[in-house]
Protein backbone atom coordinates (compact mmCIF):
# COMPACT_ATOMS: atom_id res chain seq x y z
CA MET A 1 -0.24 -0.07 0.19
CA LYS A 2 1.59 3.35 -0.95
CA LEU A 3 0.12 5.55 1.98
CA ALA A 4 2.25 5.32 4.90
CA GLY A 5 1.06 3.15 7.97
CA LEU A 6 -2.17 2.06 5.85
CA GLN A 7 -1.98 -1.75 6.08
CA ARG A 8 -4.52 -4.73 5.24
CA VAL A 9 -4.75 -7.45 7.79
CA THR A 10 -6.18 -10.95 7.44
CA PHE A 11 -7.91 -12.47 10.58
CA ALA A 12 -8.21 -16.27 10.98
CA GLN A 13 -11.32 -18.08 10.41
CA HIS A 14 -12.38 -21.45 11.78
CA THR A 15 -15.28 -23.20 10.12
CA GLY A 16 -17.05 -26.31 11.25
CA ASN A 17 -20.09 -26.08 13.28
CA GLY A 18 -20.80 -22.53 11.84
CA THR A 19 -18.14 -19.90 11.33
CA LEU A 20 -15.82 -18.41 13.80
CA THR A 21 -13.90 -15.48 12.77
CA VAL A 22 -10.82 -14.43 15.59
CA TYR A 23 -9.99 -10.48 16.08
CA PRO A 24 -6.88 -11.04 18.60
CA ALA A 25 -5.89 -7.58 20.12
CA SER A 26 -2.36 -6.28 20.78
CA THR A 27 -1.05 -8.82 18.14
CA PRO A 28 1.17 -8.19 14.86
CA ALA A 29 -1.29 -10.87 13.32
CA GLY A 30 -4.46 -9.40 14.42
CA ILE A 31 -5.10 -5.95 15.89
CA PRO A 32 -1.71 -4.36 16.61
CA PHE A 33 -2.74 -2.15 19.54
CA PRO A 34 -4.71 -2.34 22.90
CA ILE A 35 -8.51 -1.83 22.01
CA ALA A 36 -10.12 1.09 23.56
CA ARG A 37 -13.38 1.30 21.69
CA VAL A 38 -15.22 -0.95 19.21
CA PHE A 39 -18.38 0.25 17.30
CA THR A 40 -20.16 -0.66 14.59
CA LEU A 41 -22.45 0.58 11.64
CA SER A 42 -25.00 -1.18 10.04
CA GLY A 43 -28.46 -0.05 8.33
CA VAL A 44 -26.85 2.41 5.85
CA ALA A 45 -28.69 2.64 2.64
CA ARG A 46 -26.86 1.37 -0.71
CA GLY A 47 -24.46 3.87 -1.64
CA GLY A 48 -24.52 5.72 1.59
CA VAL A 49 -21.14 7.17 2.73
CA ARG A 50 -19.87 7.01 6.55
CA GLY A 51 -16.73 8.48 7.94
CA HIS A 52 -15.86 11.10 5.74
CA HIS A 53 -13.09 12.58 8.24
CA ALA A 54 -9.78 11.86 9.96
CA HIS A 55 -8.32 11.12 13.38
CA ARG A 56 -5.24 13.29 14.67
CA HIS A 57 -4.56 10.57 17.25
CA CYS A 58 -6.75 7.59 17.09
CA SER A 59 -5.59 4.35 14.97
CA GLN A 60 -8.76 2.59 13.63
CA LEU A 61 -9.04 -1.15 12.14
CA VAL A 62 -12.02 -1.78 9.87
CA THR A 63 -13.17 -5.02 9.15
CA CYS A 64 -16.75 -5.48 7.12
CA LEU A 65 -18.60 -8.28 9.16
CA SER A 66 -21.32 -8.65 6.62
CA GLY A 67 -22.21 -7.12 3.15
CA ARG A 68 -19.43 -4.88 1.34
CA THR A 69 -17.85 -1.44 1.87
CA VAL A 70 -15.60 0.41 -0.44
CA VAL A 71 -13.08 2.42 1.74
CA VAL A 72 -11.28 5.24 0.31
CA VAL A 73 -8.32 6.61 2.26
CA THR A 74 -5.99 9.71 1.51
CA ASP A 75 -3.49 11.74 2.79
CA GLY A 76 -4.61 14.75 1.08
CA LYS A 77 -2.53 14.08 -2.11
CA ASP A 78 -2.48 10.21 -2.83
CA SER A 79 -5.35 8.15 -2.26
CA GLU A 80 -6.18 4.43 -2.18
CA GLU A 81 -9.52 2.37 -2.67
CA ILE A 82 -10.11 -0.73 -0.84
CA VAL A 83 -12.96 -3.19 -0.82
CA LEU A 84 -13.79 -5.02 2.38
CA ALA A 85 -16.37 -7.85 1.65
CA ALA A 86 -15.26 -10.60 4.04
CA ALA A 87 -15.04 -10.99 7.88
CA THR A 88 -11.42 -11.91 7.48
CA ASP A 89 -10.55 -8.75 5.77
CA GLY A 90 -9.27 -5.86 7.69
CA LEU A 91 -7.76 -2.42 7.10
CA LEU A 92 -5.52 -0.78 9.54
CA VAL A 93 -6.11 3.08 9.14
CA PRO A 94 -3.30 5.14 11.26
CA PRO A 95 -3.96 8.84 12.25
CA GLY A 96 -3.66 11.36 9.84
CA LEU A 97 -5.64 9.82 7.13
CA TRP A 98 -8.99 10.76 5.72
CA LEU A 99 -11.05 7.83 5.54
CA THR A 100 -14.78 7.44 3.54
CA MET A 101 -16.75 4.44 3.28
CA THR A 102 -19.65 3.81 0.84
CA MET A 103 -21.71 1.01 2.12
CA HIS A 104 -23.43 -1.67 -0.28
CA GLY A 105 -26.79 -1.57 1.39
CA PRO A 106 -28.31 -1.59 4.80
CA ALA A 107 -27.34 -5.45 5.51
CA THR A 108 -23.67 -4.46 5.66
CA LEU A 109 -21.85 -4.73 9.07
CA VAL A 110 -18.78 -2.65 9.53
CA ALA A 111 -16.79 -3.22 12.88
CA VAL A 112 -14.27 -0.70 13.77
CA PHE A 113 -11.56 -1.27 16.80
CA CYS A 114 -10.00 1.97 18.13
CA ASP A 115 -6.80 2.47 19.95
CA GLN A 116 -8.36 5.70 21.73
CA PRO A 117 -11.56 6.32 23.68
CA TYR A 118 -14.20 8.67 21.84
CA ASP A 119 -13.01 12.45 21.73
CA GLU A 120 -14.58 14.72 19.69
CA ALA A 121 -11.47 16.90 19.55
CA ASP A 122 -9.53 14.08 17.74
CA TYR A 123 -11.57 14.27 14.78
CA LEU A 124 -10.70 16.13 11.69
CA ARG A 125 -14.09 16.70 9.88
CA ASP A 126 -13.27 19.80 7.22
CA TRP A 127 -11.59 18.91 4.43
CA ASP A 128 -10.02 22.24 3.93
CA GLU A 129 -8.50 21.94 7.76
CA PHE A 130 -7.55 18.41 6.80
CA LEU A 131 -5.59 19.48 3.95
CA ARG A 132 -3.61 22.44 6.12
CA SER A 133 -3.01 19.97 8.60
CA HIS A 134 -0.96 18.24 6.00
CA ALA A 135 0.72 21.07 4.13
């Protein structure tokens, strides 16, 4: 991946009597930080957009538990588009990158693991302010 710190992560999945997907914390092969917060996104209409912000300090690991989402990440100059469509696929997004997710429909379920508790002051929600912070 060309954006600094952006990284795909693959989680272990076990099948037999159903499917078990494991999201280990604080491991290089899983979520590479202690988890301070987890949230989910669901019920977003097809083509609906979530995210549209960056974080000053918070790292996030995004995974699509069900359905499909297209994630676009940018540093203000370069960008990458990543499709998440399996519970085994994760995307580590470090602070300082702008993230936008386009959801495939209301059945899409996205989980986001964060290394920081919620803090509104950590968010960069204004695109122009984001660009100025990267100048």
